Amino acid sequence: MVITRKVQLRLNVLLITVAIVCIVVFSLYNLGYLDELLNVLAKDNYIFYWMMLVGFLAEIVAGSMGMGYGVICTTTLLFLNIPPHIVSASIHSAESFTTAAGSISHIKLKNVSKSLVKKLAVPAIIGAIIGALCLTYVGEYYSKITKTIIAFYTLYLGFQILSNAFKPKRKKSLKKTTNLTRLGLIGGFIDSFAGGGWGPLVTGTLIKNSFTPRFAVGSSTVAKFILTLTAAITFIFTLGIQHWNIILGLLAGGIVTAPFSAMLTSKLHVKGMFIVIGILVIIMSSVTIYKSVF
């Protein structure tokens, strides 16, 4: 009965979301703005619709495994030749909403440890601000160099994600040795500067160090929401809002998926997901590096 209620709750959320979208579309049609909106969304080779697909797939992975959203989106946007500072700003703007939805779901499912969130989130805020400022004033003027560096980093993350599929879980005694303050600080900086990486670094470390998977994923997701919101606000003050079609596409694709992906945390075949995501990131990062260098 409990499972039925949870499923029904998420179905209600989906139905409400679909109803709102239908009302908005119908209103735009009656006001004569629908054709104009469709023409705007078709700009830049229909990037809005491609971003919807990327946001949808990335949020399924991130919400269920606690990692992958930023890495997948960053790798894709760099592959499409979007400047690094615009990549991170767009991703964090959209991810503020998707991580909020995912966080609410994890909290309702009692997948969150408050003490773990606090230990990760506070240093992550500091790291996110520093990373956003560095990317704003370095990435904007040295775009090609920054893009290559970030592509090499996502390539490294791809191999890290892939290797996680074959690493045995560490002994529980190592759980106490995890420096959560340093982990949050470094994770916040890297995620903000590179557009992603919190999940593979932070969630991956927590799981490897024998934290209960559902608490590692849920707590990491809530901490990620806090750092994402911080990074997004920092980018708004330094860059403003640019490439809104990318932001809306990622948001539209991810916001509906987020409440449901939390339910998959204990159901997905973790090893298989690590392998698929790792290979995908490695291939796309390699292509981006090749295009940047040659």
C-alpha atoms as a PDB file:
ATOM      1  CA  MET A   1       0.000   0.000   0.000  1.00  0.00           C
ATOM      2  CA  VAL A   2       2.883   2.351   0.779  1.00  0.00           C
ATOM      3  CA  ILE A   3       4.450   1.735  -2.616  1.00  0.00           C
ATOM      4  CA  THR A   4       1.099   2.358  -4.302  1.00  0.00           C
ATOM      5  CA  ARG A   5       0.754   5.717  -2.567  1.00  0.00           C
ATOM      6  CA  LYS A   6       4.244   6.781  -3.589  1.00  0.00           C
ATOM      7  CA  VAL A   7       3.590   5.829  -7.188  1.00  0.00           C
ATOM      8  CA  GLN A   8       0.229   7.614  -7.116  1.00  0.00           C
ATOM      9  CA  LEU A   9       1.864  10.753  -5.705  1.00  0.00           C
ATOM     10  CA  ARG A  10       4.360  10.863  -8.550  1.00  0.00           C
ATOM     11  CA  LEU A  11       1.660  10.201 -11.121  1.00  0.00           C
ATOM     12  CA  ASN A  12      -0.284  13.140  -9.699  1.00  0.00           C
ATOM     13  CA  VAL A  13       2.802  15.353 -10.007  1.00  0.00           C
ATOM     14  CA  LEU A  14       3.250  14.259 -13.614  1.00  0.00           C
ATOM     15  CA  LEU A  15      -0.419  14.875 -14.453  1.00  0.00           C
ATOM     16  CA  ILE A  16      -0.326  18.336 -12.875  1.00  0.00           C
ATOM     17  CA  THR A  17       2.840  19.193 -14.816  1.00  0.00           C
ATOM     18  CA  VAL A  18       1.310  18.002 -18.100  1.00  0.00           C
ATOM     19  CA  ALA A  19      -1.868  19.973 -17.357  1.00  0.00           C
ATOM     20  CA  ILE A  20       0.111  23.157 -16.714  1.00  0.00           C
ATOM     21  CA  VAL A  21       2.075  22.707 -19.951  1.00  0.00           C
ATOM     22  CA  CYS A  22      -1.155  22.160 -21.923  1.00  0.00           C
ATOM     23  CA  ILE A  23      -2.735  25.282 -20.397  1.00  0.00           C
ATOM     24  CA  VAL A  24       0.333  27.379 -21.258  1.00  0.00           C
ATOM     25  CA  VAL A  25       0.463  26.070 -24.842  1.00  0.00           C
ATOM     26  CA  PHE A  26      -3.286  26.617 -25.323  1.00  0.00           C
ATOM     27  CA  SER A  27      -3.019  30.166 -23.938  1.00  0.00           C
ATOM     28  CA  LEU A  28      -0.113  30.994 -26.259  1.00  0.00           C
ATOM     29  CA  TYR A  29      -2.094  29.616 -29.192  1.00  0.00           C
ATOM     30  CA  ASN A  30      -5.143  31.756 -28.387  1.00  0.00           C
ATOM     31  CA  LEU A  31      -2.980  34.854 -27.984  1.00  0.00           C
ATOM     32  CA  GLY A  32      -1.247  34.209 -31.321  1.00  0.00           C
ATOM     33  CA  TYR A  33       2.216  33.745 -29.817  1.00  0.00           C
ATOM     34  CA  LEU A  34       2.630  29.999 -30.379  1.00  0.00           C
ATOM     35  CA  ASP A  35       4.147  30.252 -33.883  1.00  0.00           C
ATOM     36  CA  GLU A  36       6.524  32.963 -32.692  1.00  0.00           C
ATOM     37  CA  LEU A  37       7.587  30.819 -29.731  1.00  0.00           C
ATOM     38  CA  LEU A  38       8.193  27.784 -31.955  1.00  0.00           C
ATOM     39  CA  ASN A  39      10.353  29.897 -34.274  1.00  0.00           C
ATOM     40  CA  VAL A  40      12.417  31.100 -31.318  1.00  0.00           C
ATOM     41  CA  LEU A  41      12.856  27.540 -30.015  1.00  0.00           C
ATOM     42  CA  ALA A  42      14.029  26.437 -33.465  1.00  0.00           C
ATOM     43  CA  LYS A  43      17.043  28.790 -33.333  1.00  0.00           C
ATOM     44  CA  ASP A  44      20.635  27.527 -33.125  1.00  0.00           C
ATOM     45  CA  ASN A  45      19.843  24.296 -34.981  1.00  0.00           C
ATOM     46  CA  TYR A  46      16.991  23.325 -32.614  1.00  0.00           C
ATOM     47  CA  ILE A  47      19.344  23.259 -29.620  1.00  0.00           C
ATOM     48  CA  PHE A  48      16.374  23.700 -27.236  1.00  0.00           C
ATOM     49  CA  TYR A  49      14.977  20.294 -28.204  1.00  0.00           C
ATOM     50  CA  TRP A  50      18.378  18.613 -28.077  1.00  0.00           C
ATOM     51  CA  MET A  51      18.873  20.043 -24.594  1.00  0.00           C
ATOM     52  CA  MET A  52      15.488  18.653 -23.561  1.00  0.00           C
ATOM     53  CA  LEU A  53      16.687  15.185 -24.508  1.00  0.00           C
ATOM     54  CA  VAL A  54      20.044  15.671 -22.753  1.00  0.00           C
ATOM     55  CA  GLY A  55      18.331  17.029 -19.621  1.00  0.00           C
ATOM     56  CA  PHE A  56      15.883  14.125 -19.576  1.00  0.00           C
ATOM     57  CA  LEU A  57      18.567  11.436 -19.822  1.00  0.00           C
ATOM     58  CA  ALA A  58      21.024  13.214 -17.518  1.00  0.00           C
ATOM     59  CA  GLU A  59      18.436  13.662 -14.768  1.00  0.00           C
ATOM     60  CA  ILE A  60      17.440   9.992 -14.863  1.00  0.00           C
ATOM     61  CA  VAL A  61      21.075   9.100 -14.251  1.00  0.00           C
ATOM     62  CA  ALA A  62      21.726  11.828 -11.673  1.00  0.00           C
ATOM     63  CA  GLY A  63      18.535  11.357  -9.673  1.00  0.00           C
ATOM     64  CA  SER A  64      18.915   7.612  -9.431  1.00  0.00           C
ATOM     65  CA  MET A  65      22.687   7.341  -8.934  1.00  0.00           C
ATOM     66  CA  GLY A  66      23.623  10.740  -7.484  1.00  0.00           C
ATOM     67  CA  MET A  67      26.052  11.529 -10.298  1.00  0.00           C
ATOM     68  CA  GLY A  68      26.327  12.166 -13.997  1.00  0.00           C
ATOM     69  CA  TYR A  69      24.124  15.226 -14.687  1.00  0.00           C
ATOM     70  CA  GLY A  70      26.879  17.822 -14.877  1.00  0.00           C
ATOM     71  CA  VAL A  71      29.349  15.490 -16.568  1.00  0.00           C
ATOM     72  CA  ILE A  72      26.874  14.448 -19.278  1.00  0.00           C
ATOM     73  CA  CYS A  73      25.623  18.006 -19.898  1.00  0.00           C
ATOM     74  CA  THR A  74      29.105  19.544 -19.864  1.00  0.00           C
ATOM     75  CA  THR A  75      30.493  16.922 -22.230  1.00  0.00           C
ATOM     76  CA  THR A  76      27.562  17.455 -24.608  1.00  0.00           C
ATOM     77  CA  LEU A  77      27.720  21.268 -24.585  1.00  0.00           C
ATOM     78  CA  LEU A  78      31.491  21.322 -25.082  1.00  0.00           C
ATOM     79  CA  PHE A  79      30.951  18.889 -27.947  1.00  0.00           C
ATOM     80  CA  LEU A  80      28.569  21.518 -29.444  1.00  0.00           C
ATOM     81  CA  ASN A  81      31.275  24.224 -29.130  1.00  0.00           C
ATOM     82  CA  ILE A  82      29.545  26.234 -26.383  1.00  0.00           C
ATOM     83  CA  PRO A  83      32.092  28.403 -24.426  1.00  0.00           C
ATOM     84  CA  PRO A  84      33.042  26.891 -21.032  1.00  0.00           C
ATOM     85  CA  HIS A  85      31.737  29.772 -18.893  1.00  0.00           C
ATOM     86  CA  ILE A  86      28.378  29.636 -20.700  1.00  0.00           C
ATOM     87  CA  VAL A  87      28.337  25.846 -20.273  1.00  0.00           C
ATOM     88  CA  SER A  88      28.707  25.956 -16.493  1.00  0.00           C
ATOM     89  CA  ALA A  89      26.385  28.947 -16.057  1.00  0.00           C
ATOM     90  CA  SER A  90      23.641  27.311 -18.149  1.00  0.00           C
ATOM     91  CA  ILE A  91      23.956  23.932 -16.449  1.00  0.00           C
ATOM     92  CA  HIS A  92      23.853  25.339 -12.926  1.00  0.00           C
ATOM     93  CA  SER A  93      20.919  27.624 -13.744  1.00  0.00           C
ATOM     94  CA  ALA A  94      18.864  24.665 -14.991  1.00  0.00           C
ATOM     95  CA  GLU A  95      20.187  22.274 -12.369  1.00  0.00           C
ATOM     96  CA  SER A  96      19.011  24.565  -9.554  1.00  0.00           C
ATOM     97  CA  PHE A  97      15.460  23.479 -10.358  1.00  0.00           C
ATOM     98  CA  THR A  98      16.119  19.820 -11.150  1.00  0.00           C
ATOM     99  CA  THR A  99      18.235  19.234  -8.035  1.00  0.00           C
ATOM    100  CA  ALA A 100      15.531  20.947  -5.964  1.00  0.00           C
ATOM    101  CA  ALA A 101      12.928  18.514  -7.308  1.00  0.00           C
ATOM    102  CA  GLY A 102      15.281  15.569  -6.783  1.00  0.00           C
ATOM    103  CA  SER A 103      16.134  16.725  -3.260  1.00  0.00           C
ATOM    104  CA  ILE A 104      12.470  16.937  -2.281  1.00  0.00           C
ATOM    105  CA  SER A 105      11.936  13.401  -3.543  1.00  0.00           C
ATOM    106  CA  HIS A 106      14.928  12.028  -1.607  1.00  0.00           C
ATOM    107  CA  ILE A 107      13.783  13.818   1.560  1.00  0.00           C
ATOM    108  CA  LYS A 108      10.284  12.354   1.232  1.00  0.00           C
ATOM    109  CA  LEU A 109      11.774   8.899   0.678  1.00  0.00           C
ATOM    110  CA  LYS A 110      13.979   9.429   3.794  1.00  0.00           C
ATOM    111  CA  ASN A 111      17.215   8.994   1.837  1.00  0.00           C
ATOM    112  CA  VAL A 112      18.876  12.021   3.489  1.00  0.00           C
ATOM    113  CA  SER A 113      21.225  12.347   6.485  1.00  0.00           C
ATOM    114  CA  LYS A 114      21.048  15.933   7.832  1.00  0.00           C
ATOM    115  CA  SER A 115      24.481  15.767   9.456  1.00  0.00           C
ATOM    116  CA  LEU A 116      26.087  14.524   6.235  1.00  0.00           C
ATOM    117  CA  VAL A 117      24.426  17.308   4.232  1.00  0.00           C
ATOM    118  CA  LYS A 118      25.716  19.992   6.619  1.00  0.00           C
ATOM    119  CA  LYS A 119      29.278  18.669   6.532  1.00  0.00           C
ATOM    120  CA  LEU A 120      29.286  18.652   2.723  1.00  0.00           C
ATOM    121  CA  ALA A 121      27.218  21.739   1.891  1.00  0.00           C
ATOM    122  CA  VAL A 122      29.025  24.462   3.882  1.00  0.00           C
ATOM    123  CA  PRO A 123      32.474  23.944   2.292  1.00  0.00           C
ATOM    124  CA  ALA A 124      30.774  23.243  -1.067  1.00  0.00           C
ATOM    125  CA  ILE A 125      29.278  26.756  -1.034  1.00  0.00           C
ATOM    126  CA  ILE A 126      32.736  28.284  -0.633  1.00  0.00           C
ATOM    127  CA  GLY A 127      34.181  26.073  -3.367  1.00  0.00           C
ATOM    128  CA  ALA A 128      31.293  26.879  -5.732  1.00  0.00           C
ATOM    129  CA  ILE A 129      31.777  30.649  -5.406  1.00  0.00           C
ATOM    130  CA  ILE A 130      35.538  30.411  -5.985  1.00  0.00           C
ATOM    131  CA  GLY A 131      35.054  28.089  -8.974  1.00  0.00           C
ATOM    132  CA  ALA A 132      32.408  30.308 -10.603  1.00  0.00           C
ATOM    133  CA  LEU A 133      34.559  33.439 -10.218  1.00  0.00           C
ATOM    134  CA  CYS A 134      37.640  31.693 -11.625  1.00  0.00           C
ATOM    135  CA  LEU A 135      35.735  30.367 -14.639  1.00  0.00           C
ATOM    136  CA  THR A 136      34.087  33.733 -15.306  1.00  0.00           C
ATOM    137  CA  TYR A 137      37.358  35.652 -15.479  1.00  0.00           C
ATOM    138  CA  VAL A 138      39.519  32.901 -16.996  1.00  0.00           C
ATOM    139  CA  GLY A 139      37.126  30.949 -19.195  1.00  0.00           C
ATOM    140  CA  GLU A 140      35.736  34.017 -20.947  1.00  0.00           C
ATOM    141  CA  TYR A 141      39.142  35.211 -22.152  1.00  0.00           C
ATOM    142  CA  TYR A 142      40.915  31.876 -22.570  1.00  0.00           C
ATOM    143  CA  SER A 143      37.961  29.892 -23.845  1.00  0.00           C
ATOM    144  CA  LYS A 144      39.864  27.423 -26.041  1.00  0.00           C
ATOM    145  CA  ILE A 145      42.429  26.569 -23.367  1.00  0.00           C
ATOM    146  CA  THR A 146      39.777  26.263 -20.650  1.00  0.00           C
ATOM    147  CA  LYS A 147      37.619  24.101 -22.915  1.00  0.00           C
ATOM    148  CA  THR A 148      40.522  21.705 -23.551  1.00  0.00           C
ATOM    149  CA  ILE A 149      41.353  21.483 -19.843  1.00  0.00           C
ATOM    150  CA  ILE A 150      37.732  20.773 -18.905  1.00  0.00           C
ATOM    151  CA  ALA A 151      37.467  18.184 -21.707  1.00  0.00           C
ATOM    152  CA  PHE A 152      40.532  16.381 -20.328  1.00  0.00           C
ATOM    153  CA  TYR A 153      38.911  16.523 -16.889  1.00  0.00           C
ATOM    154  CA  THR A 154      35.639  15.019 -18.141  1.00  0.00           C
ATOM    155  CA  LEU A 155      37.708  12.351 -19.915  1.00  0.00           C
ATOM    156  CA  TYR A 156      39.339  11.563 -16.568  1.00  0.00           C
ATOM    157  CA  LEU A 157      35.898  11.433 -14.937  1.00  0.00           C
ATOM    158  CA  GLY A 158      34.751   9.047 -17.639  1.00  0.00           C
ATOM    159  CA  PHE A 159      37.538   6.616 -16.750  1.00  0.00           C
ATOM    160  CA  GLN A 160      36.798   7.114 -13.043  1.00  0.00           C
ATOM    161  CA  ILE A 161      33.117   6.323 -13.552  1.00  0.00           C
ATOM    162  CA  LEU A 162      34.014   3.294 -15.657  1.00  0.00           C
ATOM    163  CA  SER A 163      36.499   2.034 -13.066  1.00  0.00           C
ATOM    164  CA  ASN A 164      33.856   2.300 -10.322  1.00  0.00           C
ATOM    165  CA  ALA A 165      32.033  -0.572 -11.992  1.00  0.00           C
ATOM    166  CA  PHE A 166      34.919  -2.922 -11.232  1.00  0.00           C
ATOM    167  CA  LYS A 167      36.136  -1.682  -7.845  1.00  0.00           C
ATOM    168  CA  PRO A 168      35.217  -3.731  -4.749  1.00  0.00           C
ATOM    169  CA  LYS A 169      33.546  -1.874  -1.880  1.00  0.00           C
ATOM    170  CA  ARG A 170      35.963  -0.821   0.848  1.00  0.00           C
ATOM    171  CA  LYS A 171      35.725  -1.964   4.435  1.00  0.00           C
ATOM    172  CA  LYS A 172      33.367  -0.066   6.706  1.00  0.00           C
ATOM    173  CA  SER A 173      36.246   0.974   8.969  1.00  0.00           C
ATOM    174  CA  LEU A 174      37.391   3.362   6.219  1.00  0.00           C
ATOM    175  CA  LYS A 175      34.126   5.280   6.458  1.00  0.00           C
ATOM    176  CA  LYS A 176      35.456   7.295   9.407  1.00  0.00           C
ATOM    177  CA  THR A 177      38.577   8.415   7.506  1.00  0.00           C
ATOM    178  CA  THR A 178      36.629  10.430   4.892  1.00  0.00           C
ATOM    179  CA  ASN A 179      37.428  14.151   5.223  1.00  0.00           C
ATOM    180  CA  LEU A 180      33.991  15.545   4.394  1.00  0.00           C
ATOM    181  CA  THR A 181      35.040  19.202   4.656  1.00  0.00           C
ATOM    182  CA  ARG A 182      37.832  18.825   2.118  1.00  0.00           C
ATOM    183  CA  LEU A 183      35.635  16.628  -0.059  1.00  0.00           C
ATOM    184  CA  GLY A 184      32.854  19.243  -0.114  1.00  0.00           C
ATOM    185  CA  LEU A 185      35.236  22.140  -0.802  1.00  0.00           C
ATOM    186  CA  ILE A 186      37.028  20.429  -3.698  1.00  0.00           C
ATOM    187  CA  GLY A 187      33.778  19.006  -5.056  1.00  0.00           C
ATOM    188  CA  GLY A 188      32.102  22.431  -4.996  1.00  0.00           C
ATOM    189  CA  PHE A 189      35.016  24.122  -6.780  1.00  0.00           C
ATOM    190  CA  ILE A 190      35.374  21.464  -9.472  1.00  0.00           C
ATOM    191  CA  ASP A 191      31.637  21.256 -10.120  1.00  0.00           C
ATOM    192  CA  SER A 192      31.321  25.029 -10.471  1.00  0.00           C
ATOM    193  CA  PHE A 193      34.456  25.495 -12.587  1.00  0.00           C
ATOM    194  CA  ALA A 194      34.072  22.439 -14.822  1.00  0.00           C
ATOM    195  CA  GLY A 195      30.271  22.390 -15.056  1.00  0.00           C
ATOM    196  CA  GLY A 196      30.050  19.025 -13.321  1.00  0.00           C
ATOM    197  CA  GLY A 197      31.955  16.447 -11.322  1.00  0.00           C
ATOM    198  CA  TRP A 198      30.304  16.594  -7.890  1.00  0.00           C
ATOM    199  CA  GLY A 199      28.643  13.212  -8.295  1.00  0.00           C
ATOM    200  CA  PRO A 200      31.609  11.117  -9.475  1.00  0.00           C
ATOM    201  CA  LEU A 201      33.888  12.724  -6.870  1.00  0.00           C
ATOM    202  CA  VAL A 202      31.660  13.174  -3.819  1.00  0.00           C
ATOM    203  CA  THR A 203      28.933  10.543  -4.212  1.00  0.00           C
ATOM    204  CA  GLY A 204      31.457   8.084  -5.635  1.00  0.00           C
ATOM    205  CA  THR A 205      33.788   8.621  -2.658  1.00  0.00           C
ATOM    206  CA  LEU A 206      30.980   8.209  -0.136  1.00  0.00           C
ATOM    207  CA  ILE A 207      29.810   4.958  -1.705  1.00  0.00           C
ATOM    208  CA  LYS A 208      33.347   3.583  -2.023  1.00  0.00           C
ATOM    209  CA  ASN A 209      33.977   4.415   1.625  1.00  0.00           C
ATOM    210  CA  SER A 210      31.006   2.294   2.681  1.00  0.00           C
ATOM    211  CA  PHE A 211      28.388   4.955   3.334  1.00  0.00           C
ATOM    212  CA  THR A 212      24.925   3.451   2.834  1.00  0.00           C
ATOM    213  CA  PRO A 213      24.202   3.985  -0.907  1.00  0.00           C
ATOM    214  CA  ARG A 214      20.745   5.522  -0.500  1.00  0.00           C
ATOM    215  CA  PHE A 215      22.008   7.997   2.144  1.00  0.00           C
ATOM    216  CA  ALA A 216      25.106   8.766   0.058  1.00  0.00           C
ATOM    217  CA  VAL A 217      22.981   9.508  -3.029  1.00  0.00           C
ATOM    218  CA  GLY A 218      20.208  11.371  -1.202  1.00  0.00           C
ATOM    219  CA  SER A 219      22.463  13.499   1.022  1.00  0.00           C
ATOM    220  CA  SER A 220      24.827  14.256  -1.854  1.00  0.00           C
ATOM    221  CA  THR A 221      21.874  15.373  -4.003  1.00  0.00           C
ATOM    222  CA  VAL A 222      20.649  17.832  -1.343  1.00  0.00           C
ATOM    223  CA  ALA A 223      24.173  19.232  -0.845  1.00  0.00           C
ATOM    224  CA  LYS A 224      24.504  19.487  -4.627  1.00  0.00           C
ATOM    225  CA  PHE A 225      21.320  21.564  -4.785  1.00  0.00           C
ATOM    226  CA  ILE A 226      22.778  24.051  -2.302  1.00  0.00           C
ATOM    227  CA  LEU A 227      26.074  24.422  -4.175  1.00  0.00           C
ATOM    228  CA  THR A 228      24.280  24.549  -7.541  1.00  0.00           C
ATOM    229  CA  LEU A 229      22.050  27.400  -6.394  1.00  0.00           C
ATOM    230  CA  THR A 230      25.125  29.214  -5.059  1.00  0.00           C
ATOM    231  CA  ALA A 231      27.001  28.791  -8.356  1.00  0.00           C
ATOM    232  CA  ALA A 232      23.961  29.871 -10.407  1.00  0.00           C
ATOM    233  CA  ILE A 233      23.528  33.069  -8.368  1.00  0.00           C
ATOM    234  CA  THR A 234      27.251  33.830  -8.683  1.00  0.00           C
ATOM    235  CA  PHE A 235      27.119  33.372 -12.467  1.00  0.00           C
ATOM    236  CA  ILE A 236      24.028  35.605 -12.718  1.00  0.00           C
ATOM    237  CA  PHE A 237      25.861  38.423 -10.947  1.00  0.00           C
ATOM    238  CA  THR A 238      29.029  38.028 -13.044  1.00  0.00           C
ATOM    239  CA  LEU A 239      27.672  36.985 -16.465  1.00  0.00           C
ATOM    240  CA  GLY A 240      23.934  37.614 -16.428  1.00  0.00           C
ATOM    241  CA  ILE A 241      21.628  35.053 -18.045  1.00  0.00           C
ATOM    242  CA  GLN A 242      22.794  33.945 -21.496  1.00  0.00           C
ATOM    243  CA  HIS A 243      21.673  31.186 -23.884  1.00  0.00           C
ATOM    244  CA  TRP A 244      18.278  30.839 -22.178  1.00  0.00           C
ATOM    245  CA  ASN A 245      17.241  28.258 -24.808  1.00  0.00           C
ATOM    246  CA  ILE A 246      19.892  25.913 -23.393  1.00  0.00           C
ATOM    247  CA  ILE A 247      18.749  26.566 -19.831  1.00  0.00           C
ATOM    248  CA  LEU A 248      15.064  26.044 -20.629  1.00  0.00           C
ATOM    249  CA  GLY A 249      15.802  22.909 -22.649  1.00  0.00           C
ATOM    250  CA  LEU A 250      17.794  21.308 -19.825  1.00  0.00           C
ATOM    251  CA  LEU A 251      15.172  22.435 -17.338  1.00  0.00           C
ATOM    252  CA  ALA A 252      12.220  21.119 -19.352  1.00  0.00           C
ATOM    253  CA  GLY A 253      13.897  17.765 -19.873  1.00  0.00           C
ATOM    254  CA  GLY A 254      14.953  17.320 -16.262  1.00  0.00           C
ATOM    255  CA  ILE A 255      12.246  18.840 -14.088  1.00  0.00           C
ATOM    256  CA  VAL A 256       9.614  16.217 -14.936  1.00  0.00           C
ATOM    257  CA  THR A 257      12.094  13.358 -14.559  1.00  0.00           C
ATOM    258  CA  ALA A 258      13.582  14.420 -11.213  1.00  0.00           C
ATOM    259  CA  PRO A 259      10.736  13.376  -8.865  1.00  0.00           C
ATOM    260  CA  PHE A 260      10.624   9.887 -10.392  1.00  0.00           C
ATOM    261  CA  SER A 261      14.348   9.178 -10.729  1.00  0.00           C
ATOM    262  CA  ALA A 262      14.798   9.047  -6.943  1.00  0.00           C
ATOM    263  CA  MET A 263      12.636   5.919  -6.945  1.00  0.00           C
ATOM    264  CA  LEU A 264      15.216   4.134  -9.106  1.00  0.00           C
ATOM    265  CA  THR A 265      18.051   4.542  -6.584  1.00  0.00           C
ATOM    266  CA  SER A 266      17.734   1.026  -5.209  1.00  0.00           C
ATOM    267  CA  LYS A 267      16.490  -0.613  -8.430  1.00  0.00           C
ATOM    268  CA  LEU A 268      19.069   0.150 -11.126  1.00  0.00           C
ATOM    269  CA  HIS A 269      21.960  -2.173 -11.925  1.00  0.00           C
ATOM    270  CA  VAL A 270      24.738   0.089 -10.652  1.00  0.00           C
ATOM    271  CA  LYS A 271      27.601  -1.687 -12.425  1.00  0.00           C
ATOM    272  CA  GLY A 272      25.848  -1.528 -15.784  1.00  0.00           C
ATOM    273  CA  MET A 273      25.053   2.180 -15.368  1.00  0.00           C
ATOM    274  CA  PHE A 274      28.666   2.957 -14.461  1.00  0.00           C
ATOM    275  CA  ILE A 275      29.859   1.189 -17.607  1.00  0.00           C
ATOM    276  CA  VAL A 276      27.386   2.899 -19.959  1.00  0.00           C
ATOM    277  CA  ILE A 277      27.934   6.408 -18.552  1.00  0.00           C
ATOM    278  CA  GLY A 278      31.703   5.983 -18.392  1.00  0.00           C
ATOM    279  CA  ILE A 279      32.012   4.870 -22.022  1.00  0.00           C
ATOM    280  CA  LEU A 280      29.692   7.650 -23.226  1.00  0.00           C
ATOM    281  CA  VAL A 281      31.658  10.365 -21.406  1.00  0.00           C
ATOM    282  CA  ILE A 282      34.999   8.979 -22.604  1.00  0.00           C
ATOM    283  CA  ILE A 283      33.917   8.966 -26.265  1.00  0.00           C
ATOM    284  CA  MET A 284      32.435  12.479 -26.262  1.00  0.00           C
ATOM    285  CA  SER A 285      35.329  13.960 -24.273  1.00  0.00           C
ATOM    286  CA  SER A 286      37.835  12.397 -26.671  1.00  0.00           C
ATOM    287  CA  VAL A 287      36.044  13.926 -29.656  1.00  0.00           C
ATOM    288  CA  THR A 288      35.991  17.348 -27.952  1.00  0.00           C
ATOM    289  CA  ILE A 289      39.725  17.138 -27.207  1.00  0.00           C
ATOM    290  CA  TYR A 290      40.452  16.152 -30.797  1.00  0.00           C
ATOM    291  CA  LYS A 291      38.410  19.086 -32.113  1.00  0.00           C
ATOM    292  CA  SER A 292      40.100  21.506 -29.694  1.00  0.00           C
ATOM    293  CA  VAL A 293      43.648  20.397 -30.475  1.00  0.00           C
ATOM    294  CA  PHE A 294      43.334  19.727 -34.204  1.00  0.00           C
END
